[in-house]
């Protein structure tokens, strides 16, 4: 007898849950008919829809522009750092070469340049 009571109880609870869910899932008939009505392909879009699409496009363009500007700035900073490092390395190498080859007899290179 207990299995029959359990089956009856589960069926009753399922009916109650479905009746509550029906109210939440389904919309009114008037709303449904308006929802399913679609604009034909040849009819013009409403002004609000056009404005909304334009705002979305402008926002996407702005985000794209900001992204590429940020990427460009990062790359320019990277290139500037690389150039600075290269200049520093070459300056150090030249300075080392001058110190190694300086014999102490002649004035430094700044004073012995030939002027035309």
PDB file of N, CA and C in Angstrom:
ATOM      1  N   UNK A   1       0.813  -1.196   0.000  1.00  0.00           N
ATOM      2  CA  UNK A   1       0.000   0.000   0.000  1.00  0.00           C
ATOM      3  C   UNK A   1       0.861   1.267   0.000  1.00  0.00           C
ATOM      4  N   UNK A   2       2.048   1.219   0.540  1.00  0.00           N
ATOM      5  CA  UNK A   2       2.884   2.397   0.645  1.00  0.00           C
ATOM      6  C   UNK A   2       3.397   2.841  -0.721  1.00  0.00           C
ATOM      7  N   UNK A   3       3.651   1.898  -1.616  1.00  0.00           N
ATOM      8  CA  UNK A   3       4.127   2.305  -2.948  1.00  0.00           C
ATOM      9  C   UNK A   3       3.041   3.039  -3.700  1.00  0.00           C
ATOM     10  N   UNK A   4       1.774   2.673  -3.482  1.00  0.00           N
ATOM     11  CA  UNK A   4       0.671   3.378  -4.121  1.00  0.00           C
ATOM     12  C   UNK A   4       0.551   4.797  -3.570  1.00  0.00           C
ATOM     13  N   UNK A   5       0.744   4.935  -2.274  1.00  0.00           N
ATOM     14  CA  UNK A   5       0.676   6.260  -1.682  1.00  0.00           C
ATOM     15  C   UNK A   5       1.828   7.138  -2.192  1.00  0.00           C
ATOM     16  N   UNK A   6       3.020   6.530  -2.309  1.00  0.00           N
ATOM     17  CA  UNK A   6       4.169   7.292  -2.813  1.00  0.00           C
ATOM     18  C   UNK A   6       3.936   7.714  -4.259  1.00  0.00           C
ATOM     19  N   UNK A   7       3.395   6.824  -5.077  1.00  0.00           N
ATOM     20  CA  UNK A   7       3.106   7.137  -6.470  1.00  0.00           C
ATOM     21  C   UNK A   7       2.040   8.221  -6.563  1.00  0.00           C
ATOM     22  N   UNK A   8       1.012   8.138  -5.786  1.00  0.00           N
ATOM     23  CA  UNK A   8      -0.053   9.136  -5.785  1.00  0.00           C
ATOM     24  C   UNK A   8       0.478  10.497  -5.323  1.00  0.00           C
ATOM     25  N   UNK A   9       1.312  10.492  -4.296  1.00  0.00           N
ATOM     26  CA  UNK A   9       1.888  11.731  -3.791  1.00  0.00           C
ATOM     27  C   UNK A   9       2.805  12.386  -4.829  1.00  0.00           C
ATOM     28  N   UNK A  10       3.626  11.594  -5.505  1.00  0.00           N
ATOM     29  CA  UNK A  10       4.524  12.161  -6.514  1.00  0.00           C
ATOM     30  C   UNK A  10       3.746  12.695  -7.713  1.00  0.00           C
ATOM     31  N   UNK A  11       2.691  12.002  -8.128  1.00  0.00           N
ATOM     32  CA  UNK A  11       1.870  12.497  -9.234  1.00  0.00           C
ATOM     33  C   UNK A  11       1.180  13.809  -8.858  1.00  0.00           C
ATOM     34  N   UNK A  12       0.658  13.872  -7.650  1.00  0.00           N
ATOM     35  CA  UNK A  12      -0.007  15.086  -7.202  1.00  0.00           C
ATOM     36  C   UNK A  12       0.973  16.267  -7.145  1.00  0.00           C
ATOM     37  N   UNK A  13       2.173  16.039  -6.628  1.00  0.00           N
ATOM     38  CA  UNK A  13       3.163  17.112  -6.553  1.00  0.00           C
ATOM     39  C   UNK A  13       3.611  17.536  -7.948  1.00  0.00           C
ATOM     40  N   UNK A  14       3.692  16.602  -8.895  1.00  0.00           N
ATOM     41  CA  UNK A  14       4.059  16.956 -10.265  1.00  0.00           C
ATOM     42  C   UNK A  14       2.995  17.837 -10.896  1.00  0.00           C
ATOM     43  N   UNK A  15       1.736  17.528 -10.669  1.00  0.00           N
ATOM     44  CA  UNK A  15       0.643  18.337 -11.214  1.00  0.00           C
ATOM     45  C   UNK A  15       0.696  19.744 -10.628  1.00  0.00           C
ATOM     46  N   UNK A  16       0.956  19.873  -9.343  1.00  0.00           N
ATOM     47  CA  UNK A  16       1.024  21.187  -8.703  1.00  0.00           C
ATOM     48  C   UNK A  16       2.197  21.985  -9.266  1.00  0.00           C
ATOM     49  N   UNK A  17       3.357  21.353  -9.402  1.00  0.00           N
ATOM     50  CA  UNK A  17       4.532  22.043  -9.938  1.00  0.00           C
ATOM     51  C   UNK A  17       4.316  22.484 -11.385  1.00  0.00           C
ATOM     52  N   UNK A  18       3.703  21.641 -12.194  1.00  0.00           N
ATOM     53  CA  UNK A  18       3.455  22.008 -13.587  1.00  0.00           C
ATOM     54  C   UNK A  18       2.456  23.147 -13.706  1.00  0.00           C
ATOM     55  N   UNK A  19       1.461  23.159 -12.846  1.00  0.00           N
ATOM     56  CA  UNK A  19       0.490  24.253 -12.917  1.00  0.00           C
ATOM     57  C   UNK A  19       1.158  25.580 -12.530  1.00  0.00           C
ATOM     58  N   UNK A  20       2.090  25.579 -11.573  1.00  0.00           N
ATOM     59  CA  UNK A  20       2.820  26.798 -11.205  1.00  0.00           C
ATOM     60  C   UNK A  20       3.808  27.183 -12.306  1.00  0.00           C
ATOM     61  N   UNK A  21       4.431  26.191 -12.887  1.00  0.00           N
ATOM     62  CA  UNK A  21       5.421  26.469 -13.929  1.00  0.00           C
ATOM     63  C   UNK A  21       4.741  27.003 -15.180  1.00  0.00           C
ATOM     64  N   UNK A  22       3.518  26.563 -15.446  1.00  0.00           N
ATOM     65  CA  UNK A  22       2.806  27.030 -16.639  1.00  0.00           C
ATOM     66  C   UNK A  22       2.603  28.541 -16.578  1.00  0.00           C
ATOM     67  N   UNK A  23       2.334  29.053 -15.417  1.00  0.00           N
ATOM     68  CA  UNK A  23       2.129  30.486 -15.279  1.00  0.00           C
ATOM     69  C   UNK A  23       3.429  31.252 -15.522  1.00  0.00           C
ATOM     70  N   UNK A  24       4.573  30.669 -15.167  1.00  0.00           N
ATOM     71  CA  UNK A  24       5.846  31.349 -15.325  1.00  0.00           C
ATOM     72  C   UNK A  24       6.409  31.197 -16.739  1.00  0.00           C
ATOM     73  N   UNK A  25       6.148  30.056 -17.366  1.00  0.00           N
ATOM     74  CA  UNK A  25       6.747  29.786 -18.673  1.00  0.00           C
ATOM     75  C   UNK A  25       5.994  30.469 -19.801  1.00  0.00           C
ATOM     76  N   UNK A  26       4.694  30.334 -19.824  1.00  0.00           N
ATOM     77  CA  UNK A  26       3.908  30.826 -20.949  1.00  0.00           C
ATOM     78  C   UNK A  26       3.517  32.280 -20.746  1.00  0.00           C
ATOM     79  N   UNK A  27       3.487  33.013 -21.856  1.00  0.00           N
ATOM     80  CA  UNK A  27       3.096  34.415 -21.799  1.00  0.00           C
ATOM     81  C   UNK A  27       1.657  34.567 -22.297  1.00  0.00           C
ATOM     82  N   UNK A  28       1.132  35.741 -22.136  1.00  0.00           N
ATOM     83  CA  UNK A  28      -0.223  36.011 -22.572  1.00  0.00           C
ATOM     84  C   UNK A  28      -0.324  35.878 -24.093  1.00  0.00           C
ATOM     85  N   UNK A  29      -1.510  35.583 -24.574  1.00  0.00           N
ATOM     86  CA  UNK A  29      -1.694  35.368 -26.007  1.00  0.00           C
ATOM     87  C   UNK A  29      -1.419  36.645 -26.797  1.00  0.00           C
ATOM     88  N   UNK A  30      -1.801  37.786 -26.298  1.00  0.00           N
ATOM     89  CA  UNK A  30      -1.566  39.044 -27.013  1.00  0.00           C
ATOM     90  C   UNK A  30      -0.064  39.330 -27.104  1.00  0.00           C
ATOM     91  N   UNK A  31       0.669  39.070 -26.014  1.00  0.00           N
ATOM     92  CA  UNK A  31       2.117  39.265 -26.053  1.00  0.00           C
ATOM     93  C   UNK A  31       2.771  38.303 -27.027  1.00  0.00           C
ATOM     94  N   UNK A  32       2.280  37.064 -27.056  1.00  0.00           N
ATOM     95  CA  UNK A  32       2.869  36.069 -27.945  1.00  0.00           C
ATOM     96  C   UNK A  32       2.642  36.445 -29.403  1.00  0.00           C
ATOM     97  N   UNK A  33       1.467  36.934 -29.740  1.00  0.00           N
ATOM     98  CA  UNK A  33       1.206  37.293 -31.138  1.00  0.00           C
ATOM     99  C   UNK A  33       2.071  38.483 -31.546  1.00  0.00           C
ATOM    100  N   UNK A  34       2.258  39.449 -30.655  1.00  0.00           N
ATOM    101  CA  UNK A  34       3.131  40.578 -30.969  1.00  0.00           C
ATOM    102  C   UNK A  34       4.586  40.141 -31.075  1.00  0.00           C
ATOM    103  N   UNK A  35       4.966  39.180 -30.234  1.00  0.00           N
ATOM    104  CA  UNK A  35       6.345  38.706 -30.245  1.00  0.00           C
ATOM    105  C   UNK A  35       6.661  37.999 -31.557  1.00  0.00           C
ATOM    106  N   UNK A  36       5.721  37.245 -32.059  1.00  0.00           N
ATOM    107  CA  UNK A  36       5.979  36.467 -33.273  1.00  0.00           C
ATOM    108  C   UNK A  36       5.816  37.278 -34.551  1.00  0.00           C
ATOM    109  N   UNK A  37       5.154  38.429 -34.460  1.00  0.00           N
ATOM    110  CA  UNK A  37       5.036  39.271 -35.649  1.00  0.00           C
ATOM    111  C   UNK A  37       6.406  39.806 -35.991  1.00  0.00           C
ATOM    112  N   UNK A  38       6.772  39.657 -37.236  1.00  0.00           N
ATOM    113  CA  UNK A  38       8.082  40.167 -37.646  1.00  0.00           C
ATOM    114  C   UNK A  38       7.886  41.197 -38.732  1.00  0.00           C
ATOM    115  N   UNK A  39       8.823  42.077 -38.757  1.00  0.00           N
ATOM    116  CA  UNK A  39       8.818  43.098 -39.789  1.00  0.00           C
ATOM    117  C   UNK A  39       9.227  42.426 -41.091  1.00  0.00           C
ATOM    118  N   UNK A  40       8.554  42.758 -42.187  1.00  0.00           N
ATOM    119  CA  UNK A  40       8.953  42.174 -43.466  1.00  0.00           C
ATOM    120  C   UNK A  40      10.288  42.758 -43.886  1.00  0.00           C
ATOM    121  N   UNK A  41      10.958  42.098 -44.799  1.00  0.00           N
ATOM    122  CA  UNK A  41      12.306  42.523 -45.174  1.00  0.00           C
ATOM    123  C   UNK A  41      12.315  43.868 -45.883  1.00  0.00           C
ATOM    124  N   UNK A  42      11.220  44.211 -46.522  1.00  0.00           N
ATOM    125  CA  UNK A  42      11.194  45.462 -47.276  1.00  0.00           C
ATOM    126  C   UNK A  42      10.713  46.648 -46.467  1.00  0.00           C
ATOM    127  N   UNK A  43      10.099  46.386 -45.334  1.00  0.00           N
ATOM    128  CA  UNK A  43       9.618  47.521 -44.561  1.00  0.00           C
ATOM    129  C   UNK A  43      10.792  48.177 -43.837  1.00  0.00           C
ATOM    130  N   UNK A  44      10.758  49.492 -43.698  1.00  0.00           N
ATOM    131  CA  UNK A  44      11.882  50.190 -43.052  1.00  0.00           C
ATOM    132  C   UNK A  44      11.929  49.879 -41.560  1.00  0.00           C
ATOM    133  N   UNK A  45      13.125  49.972 -41.024  1.00  0.00           N
ATOM    134  CA  UNK A  45      13.295  49.744 -39.589  1.00  0.00           C
ATOM    135  C   UNK A  45      12.757  50.948 -38.827  1.00  0.00           C
ATOM    136  N   UNK A  46      12.263  50.701 -37.645  1.00  0.00           N
ATOM    137  CA  UNK A  46      11.853  51.842 -36.818  1.00  0.00           C
ATOM    138  C   UNK A  46      13.068  52.696 -36.444  1.00  0.00           C
ATOM    139  N   UNK A  47      12.812  53.971 -36.212  1.00  0.00           N
ATOM    140  CA  UNK A  47      13.905  54.908 -35.927  1.00  0.00           C
ATOM    141  C   UNK A  47      14.679  54.500 -34.678  1.00  0.00           C
ATOM    142  N   UNK A  48      13.975  53.994 -33.662  1.00  0.00           N
ATOM    143  CA  UNK A  48      14.646  53.571 -32.427  1.00  0.00           C
ATOM    144  C   UNK A  48      15.607  52.421 -32.695  1.00  0.00           C
ATOM    145  N   UNK A  49      15.185  51.490 -33.547  1.00  0.00           N
ATOM    146  CA  UNK A  49      16.046  50.348 -33.870  1.00  0.00           C
ATOM    147  C   UNK A  49      17.296  50.808 -34.618  1.00  0.00           C
ATOM    148  N   UNK A  50      17.120  51.740 -35.554  1.00  0.00           N
ATOM    149  CA  UNK A  50      18.258  52.275 -36.299  1.00  0.00           C
ATOM    150  C   UNK A  50      19.218  52.991 -35.354  1.00  0.00           C
ATOM    151  N   UNK A  51      18.655  53.800 -34.456  1.00  0.00           N
ATOM    152  CA  UNK A  51      19.493  54.519 -33.498  1.00  0.00           C
ATOM    153  C   UNK A  51      20.254  53.556 -32.585  1.00  0.00           C
ATOM    154  N   UNK A  52      19.582  52.505 -32.134  1.00  0.00           N
ATOM    155  CA  UNK A  52      20.242  51.532 -31.266  1.00  0.00           C
ATOM    156  C   UNK A  52      21.384  50.840 -31.997  1.00  0.00           C
ATOM    157  N   UNK A  53      21.154  50.459 -33.252  1.00  0.00           N
ATOM    158  CA  UNK A  53      22.218  49.822 -34.038  1.00  0.00           C
ATOM    159  C   UNK A  53      23.389  50.768 -34.246  1.00  0.00           C
ATOM    160  N   UNK A  54      23.089  52.043 -34.530  1.00  0.00           N
ATOM    161  CA  UNK A  54      24.161  53.019 -34.722  1.00  0.00           C
ATOM    162  C   UNK A  54      24.969  53.225 -33.444  1.00  0.00           C
ATOM    163  N   UNK A  55      24.278  53.262 -32.300  1.00  0.00           N
ATOM    164  CA  UNK A  55      24.996  53.399 -31.030  1.00  0.00           C
ATOM    165  C   UNK A  55      25.907  52.203 -30.791  1.00  0.00           C
ATOM    166  N   UNK A  56      25.428  50.999 -31.113  1.00  0.00           N
ATOM    167  CA  UNK A  56      26.258  49.803 -30.943  1.00  0.00           C
ATOM    168  C   UNK A  56      27.474  49.850 -31.857  1.00  0.00           C
ATOM    169  N   UNK A  57      27.279  50.267 -33.095  1.00  0.00           N
ATOM    170  CA  UNK A  57      28.408  50.350 -34.030  1.00  0.00           C
ATOM    171  C   UNK A  57      29.425  51.392 -33.577  1.00  0.00           C
ATOM    172  N   UNK A  58      28.936  52.553 -33.130  1.00  0.00           N
ATOM    173  CA  UNK A  58      29.846  53.594 -32.654  1.00  0.00           C
ATOM    174  C   UNK A  58      30.629  53.138 -31.433  1.00  0.00           C
ATOM    175  N   UNK A  59      29.962  52.438 -30.531  1.00  0.00           N
ATOM    176  CA  UNK A  59      30.640  51.934 -29.332  1.00  0.00           C
ATOM    177  C   UNK A  59      31.700  50.899 -29.710  1.00  0.00           C
ATOM    178  N   UNK A  60      31.360  50.016 -30.643  1.00  0.00           N
ATOM    179  CA  UNK A  60      32.334  49.018 -31.086  1.00  0.00           C
ATOM    180  C   UNK A  60      33.529  49.687 -31.762  1.00  0.00           C
ATOM    181  N   UNK A  61      33.270  50.701 -32.580  1.00  0.00           N
ATOM    182  CA  UNK A  61      34.369  51.439 -33.218  1.00  0.00           C
ATOM    183  C   UNK A  61      35.250  52.116 -32.177  1.00  0.00           C
ATOM    184  N   UNK A  62      34.629  52.704 -31.162  1.00  0.00           N
ATOM    185  CA  UNK A  62      35.396  53.388 -30.126  1.00  0.00           C
ATOM    186  C   UNK A  62      36.275  52.396 -29.348  1.00  0.00           C
ATOM    187  N   UNK A  63      35.693  51.244 -29.009  1.00  0.00           N
ATOM    188  CA  UNK A  63      36.472  50.232 -28.291  1.00  0.00           C
ATOM    189  C   UNK A  63      37.625  49.723 -29.145  1.00  0.00           C
ATOM    190  N   UNK A  64      37.369  49.512 -30.434  1.00  0.00           N
ATOM    191  CA  UNK A  64      38.420  49.043 -31.343  1.00  0.00           C
ATOM    192  C   UNK A  64      39.528  50.086 -31.454  1.00  0.00           C
ATOM    193  N   UNK A  65      39.138  51.348 -31.581  1.00  0.00           N
ATOM    194  CA  UNK A  65      40.112  52.433 -31.692  1.00  0.00           C
ATOM    195  C   UNK A  65      40.965  52.524 -30.420  1.00  0.00           C
ATOM    196  N   UNK A  66      40.320  52.432 -29.249  1.00  0.00           N
ATOM    197  CA  UNK A  66      41.066  52.472 -27.993  1.00  0.00           C
ATOM    198  C   UNK A  66      42.031  51.298 -27.887  1.00  0.00           C
ATOM    199  N   UNK A  67      41.587  50.119 -28.293  1.00  0.00           N
ATOM    200  CA  UNK A  67      42.436  48.935 -28.214  1.00  0.00           C
ATOM    201  C   UNK A  67      43.673  49.099 -29.088  1.00  0.00           C
ATOM    202  N   UNK A  68      43.480  49.517 -30.337  1.00  0.00           N
ATOM    203  CA  UNK A  68      44.626  49.651 -31.233  1.00  0.00           C
ATOM    204  C   UNK A  68      45.533  50.803 -30.820  1.00  0.00           C
ATOM    205  N   UNK A  69      44.968  51.852 -30.250  1.00  0.00           N
ATOM    206  CA  UNK A  69      45.800  52.944 -29.762  1.00  0.00           C
ATOM    207  C   UNK A  69      46.673  52.467 -28.599  1.00  0.00           C
ATOM    208  N   UNK A  70      46.084  51.678 -27.702  1.00  0.00           N
ATOM    209  CA  UNK A  70      46.850  51.131 -26.582  1.00  0.00           C
ATOM    210  C   UNK A  70      47.952  50.198 -27.078  1.00  0.00           C
ATOM    211  N   UNK A  71      47.614  49.353 -28.067  1.00  0.00           N
ATOM    212  CA  UNK A  71      48.636  48.459 -28.624  1.00  0.00           C
ATOM    213  C   UNK A  71      49.768  49.247 -29.269  1.00  0.00           C
ATOM    214  N   UNK A  72      49.423  50.295 -29.998  1.00  0.00           N
ATOM    215  CA  UNK A  72      50.439  51.116 -30.659  1.00  0.00           C
ATOM    216  C   UNK A  72      51.335  51.804 -29.627  1.00  0.00           C
ATOM    217  N   UNK A  73      50.735  52.343 -28.548  1.00  0.00           N
ATOM    218  CA  UNK A  73      51.526  52.993 -27.508  1.00  0.00           C
ATOM    219  C   UNK A  73      52.475  52.006 -26.833  1.00  0.00           C
ATOM    220  N   UNK A  74      51.978  50.800 -26.547  1.00  0.00           N
ATOM    221  CA  UNK A  74      52.840  49.793 -25.934  1.00  0.00           C
ATOM    222  C   UNK A  74      53.998  49.441 -26.854  1.00  0.00           C
ATOM    223  N   UNK A  75      53.729  49.292 -28.144  1.00  0.00           N
ATOM    224  CA  UNK A  75      54.790  48.942 -29.085  1.00  0.00           C
ATOM    225  C   UNK A  75      55.798  50.082 -29.217  1.00  0.00           C
ATOM    226  N   UNK A  76      55.309  51.319 -29.248  1.00  0.00           N
ATOM    227  CA  UNK A  76      56.230  52.465 -29.335  1.00  0.00           C
ATOM    228  C   UNK A  76      57.124  52.535 -28.101  1.00  0.00           C
ATOM    229  N   UNK A  77      56.554  52.287 -26.928  1.00  0.00           N
ATOM    230  CA  UNK A  77      57.364  52.269 -25.711  1.00  0.00           C
ATOM    231  C   UNK A  77      58.403  51.149 -25.758  1.00  0.00           C
ATOM    232  N   UNK A  78      57.994  49.992 -26.250  1.00  0.00           N
ATOM    233  CA  UNK A  78      58.912  48.863 -26.357  1.00  0.00           C
ATOM    234  C   UNK A  78      60.060  49.190 -27.305  1.00  0.00           C
ATOM    235  N   UNK A  79      59.746  49.772 -28.460  1.00  0.00           N
ATOM    236  CA  UNK A  79      60.775  50.122 -29.438  1.00  0.00           C
ATOM    237  C   UNK A  79      61.717  51.182 -28.871  1.00  0.00           C
ATOM    238  N   UNK A  80      61.157  52.156 -28.169  1.00  0.00           N
ATOM    239  CA  UNK A  80      61.991  53.202 -27.577  1.00  0.00           C
ATOM    240  C   UNK A  80      62.947  52.608 -26.543  1.00  0.00           C
ATOM    241  N   UNK A  81      62.451  51.681 -25.717  1.00  0.00           N
ATOM    242  CA  UNK A  81      63.319  51.019 -24.740  1.00  0.00           C
ATOM    243  C   UNK A  81      64.428  50.233 -25.437  1.00  0.00           C
ATOM    244  N   UNK A  82      64.055  49.509 -26.496  1.00  0.00           N
ATOM    245  CA  UNK A  82      65.059  48.719 -27.225  1.00  0.00           C
ATOM    246  C   UNK A  82      66.132  49.629 -27.814  1.00  0.00           C
ATOM    247  N   UNK A  83      65.711  50.744 -28.398  1.00  0.00           N
ATOM    248  CA  UNK A  83      66.684  51.679 -28.983  1.00  0.00           C
ATOM    249  C   UNK A  83      67.592  52.275 -27.909  1.00  0.00           C
ATOM    250  N   UNK A  84      67.010  52.628 -26.767  1.00  0.00           N
ATOM    251  CA  UNK A  84      67.818  53.182 -25.686  1.00  0.00           C
ATOM    252  C   UNK A  84      68.850  52.164 -25.200  1.00  0.00           C
ATOM    253  N   UNK A  85      68.419  50.915 -25.056  1.00  0.00           N
ATOM    254  CA  UNK A  85      69.343  49.877 -24.617  1.00  0.00           C
ATOM    255  C   UNK A  85      70.457  49.669 -25.635  1.00  0.00           C
ATOM    256  N   UNK A  86      70.096  49.664 -26.913  1.00  0.00           N
ATOM    257  CA  UNK A  86      71.107  49.481 -27.956  1.00  0.00           C
ATOM    258  C   UNK A  86      72.098  50.646 -27.965  1.00  0.00           C
ATOM    259  N   UNK A  87      71.604  51.860 -27.832  1.00  0.00           N
ATOM    260  CA  UNK A  87      72.504  53.021 -27.785  1.00  0.00           C
ATOM    261  C   UNK A  87      73.436  52.938 -26.586  1.00  0.00           C
ATOM    262  N   UNK A  88      72.918  52.520 -25.445  1.00  0.00           N
ATOM    263  CA  UNK A  88      73.741  52.389 -24.246  1.00  0.00           C
ATOM    264  C   UNK A  88      74.833  51.333 -24.441  1.00  0.00           C
ATOM    265  N   UNK A  89      74.450  50.186 -25.018  1.00  0.00           N
ATOM    266  CA  UNK A  89      75.446  49.138 -25.254  1.00  0.00           C
ATOM    267  C   UNK A  89      76.527  49.601 -26.224  1.00  0.00           C
ATOM    268  N   UNK A  90      76.140  50.266 -27.300  1.00  0.00           N
ATOM    269  CA  UNK A  90      77.138  50.706 -28.272  1.00  0.00           C
ATOM    270  C   UNK A  90      78.028  51.805 -27.679  1.00  0.00           C
ATOM    271  N   UNK A  91      77.446  52.697 -26.864  1.00  0.00           N
ATOM    272  CA  UNK A  91      78.248  53.735 -26.230  1.00  0.00           C
ATOM    273  C   UNK A  91      79.264  53.126 -25.268  1.00  0.00           C
ATOM    274  N   UNK A  92      78.818  52.127 -24.497  1.00  0.00           N
ATOM    275  CA  UNK A  92      79.739  51.457 -23.581  1.00  0.00           C
ATOM    276  C   UNK A  92      80.854  50.751 -24.348  1.00  0.00           C
ATOM    277  N   UNK A  93      80.505  50.105 -25.470  1.00  0.00           N
ATOM    278  CA  UNK A  93      81.522  49.402 -26.261  1.00  0.00           C
ATOM    279  C   UNK A  93      82.537  50.388 -26.831  1.00  0.00           C
ATOM    280  N   UNK A  94      82.077  51.521 -27.312  1.00  0.00           N
ATOM    281  CA  UNK A  94      82.982  52.527 -27.869  1.00  0.00           C
ATOM    282  C   UNK A  94      83.881  53.079 -26.767  1.00  0.00           C
ATOM    283  N   UNK A  95      83.289  53.325 -25.598  1.00  0.00           N
ATOM    284  CA  UNK A  95      84.075  53.848 -24.490  1.00  0.00           C
ATOM    285  C   UNK A  95      85.143  52.845 -24.050  1.00  0.00           C
ATOM    286  N   UNK A  96      84.778  51.566 -24.000  1.00  0.00           N
ATOM    287  CA  UNK A  96      85.760  50.534 -23.655  1.00  0.00           C
ATOM    288  C   UNK A  96      86.880  50.467 -24.699  1.00  0.00           C
ATOM    289  N   UNK A  97      86.522  50.570 -25.966  1.00  0.00           N
ATOM    290  CA  UNK A  97      87.530  50.521 -27.033  1.00  0.00           C
ATOM    291  C   UNK A  97      88.492  51.692 -26.883  1.00  0.00           C
ATOM    292  N   UNK A  98      87.963  52.879 -26.584  1.00  0.00           N
ATOM    293  CA  UNK A  98      88.805  54.061 -26.432  1.00  0.00           C
ATOM    294  C   UNK A  98      89.752  53.925 -25.229  1.00  0.00           C
ATOM    295  N   UNK A  99      89.209  53.388 -24.130  1.00  0.00           N
ATOM    296  CA  UNK A  99      90.061  53.211 -22.954  1.00  0.00           C
ATOM    297  C   UNK A  99      91.157  52.186 -23.225  1.00  0.00           C
ATOM    298  N   UNK A 100      90.826  51.134 -23.938  1.00  0.00           N
ATOM    299  CA  UNK A 100      91.803  50.075 -24.217  1.00  0.00           C
ATOM    300  C   UNK A 100      92.908  50.575 -25.143  1.00  0.00           C
ATOM    301  N   UNK A 101      92.555  51.367 -26.142  1.00  0.00           N
ATOM    302  CA  UNK A 101      93.520  51.805 -27.153  1.00  0.00           C
ATOM    303  C   UNK A 101      94.182  53.148 -26.827  1.00  0.00           C
ATOM    304  N   UNK A 102      93.813  53.761 -25.746  1.00  0.00           N
ATOM    305  CA  UNK A 102      94.419  55.054 -25.408  1.00  0.00           C
ATOM    306  C   UNK A 102      95.815  54.812 -24.850  1.00  0.00           C
ATOM    307  N   UNK A 103      96.807  55.481 -25.445  1.00  0.00           N
ATOM    308  CA  UNK A 103      98.187  55.250 -25.016  1.00  0.00           C
ATOM    309  C   UNK A 103      98.669  56.269 -23.994  1.00  0.00           C
ATOM    310  N   UNK A 104      97.875  57.269 -23.697  1.00  0.00           N
ATOM    311  CA  UNK A 104      98.240  58.241 -22.699  1.00  0.00           C
ATOM    312  C   UNK A 104      99.146  59.344 -23.210  1.00  0.00           C
ATOM    313  N   UNK A 105      99.625  59.235 -24.445  1.00  0.00           N
ATOM    314  CA  UNK A 105     100.527  60.243 -24.991  1.00  0.00           C
ATOM    315  C   UNK A 105      99.780  61.348 -25.695  1.00  0.00           C
ATOM    316  N   UNK A 106      98.746  61.001 -26.345  1.00  0.00           N
ATOM    317  CA  UNK A 106      97.992  61.982 -27.130  1.00  0.00           C
ATOM    318  C   UNK A 106      96.772  62.418 -26.337  1.00  0.00           C
ATOM    319  N   UNK A 107      96.271  63.618 -26.623  1.00  0.00           N
ATOM    320  CA  UNK A 107      95.031  64.023 -25.958  1.00  0.00           C
ATOM    321  C   UNK A 107      93.876  63.125 -26.409  1.00  0.00           C
ATOM    322  N   UNK A 108      92.820  63.169 -25.658  1.00  0.00           N
ATOM    323  CA  UNK A 108      91.690  62.298 -25.984  1.00  0.00           C
ATOM    324  C   UNK A 108      91.103  62.647 -27.351  1.00  0.00           C
ATOM    325  N   UNK A 109      90.256  61.801 -27.824  1.00  0.00           N
ATOM    326  CA  UNK A 109      89.755  61.916 -29.201  1.00  0.00           C
ATOM    327  C   UNK A 109      89.048  63.234 -29.454  1.00  0.00           C
ATOM    328  N   UNK A 110      88.461  63.843 -28.429  1.00  0.00           N
ATOM    329  CA  UNK A 110      87.731  65.091 -28.650  1.00  0.00           C
ATOM    330  C   UNK A 110      88.672  66.209 -29.105  1.00  0.00           C
ATOM    331  N   UNK A 111      89.916  66.160 -28.636  1.00  0.00           N
ATOM    332  CA  UNK A 111      90.855  67.240 -28.935  1.00  0.00           C
ATOM    333  C   UNK A 111      91.684  66.959 -30.168  1.00  0.00           C
ATOM    334  N   UNK A 112      91.742  65.719 -30.629  1.00  0.00           N
ATOM    335  CA  UNK A 112      92.601  65.381 -31.763  1.00  0.00           C
ATOM    336  C   UNK A 112      91.839  65.203 -33.062  1.00  0.00           C
ATOM    337  N   UNK A 113      90.573  65.612 -33.078  1.00  0.00           N
ATOM    338  CA  UNK A 113      89.824  65.496 -34.322  1.00  0.00           C
ATOM    339  C   UNK A 113      90.370  66.512 -35.317  1.00  0.00           C
ATOM    340  N   UNK A 114      90.365  66.119 -36.584  1.00  0.00           N
ATOM    341  CA  UNK A 114      90.819  67.044 -37.630  1.00  0.00           C
ATOM    342  C   UNK A 114      89.660  67.935 -38.044  1.00  0.00           C
ATOM    343  N   UNK A 115      89.912  69.217 -37.998  1.00  0.00           N
ATOM    344  CA  UNK A 115      88.891  70.164 -38.403  1.00  0.00           C
ATOM    345  C   UNK A 115      89.188  70.643 -39.788  1.00  0.00           C
ATOM    346  N   UNK A 116      88.174  70.695 -40.613  1.00  0.00           N
ATOM    347  CA  UNK A 116      88.367  71.134 -41.996  1.00  0.00           C
ATOM    348  C   UNK A 116      88.001  72.590 -42.122  1.00  0.00           C
TER     349      UNK A 116
END
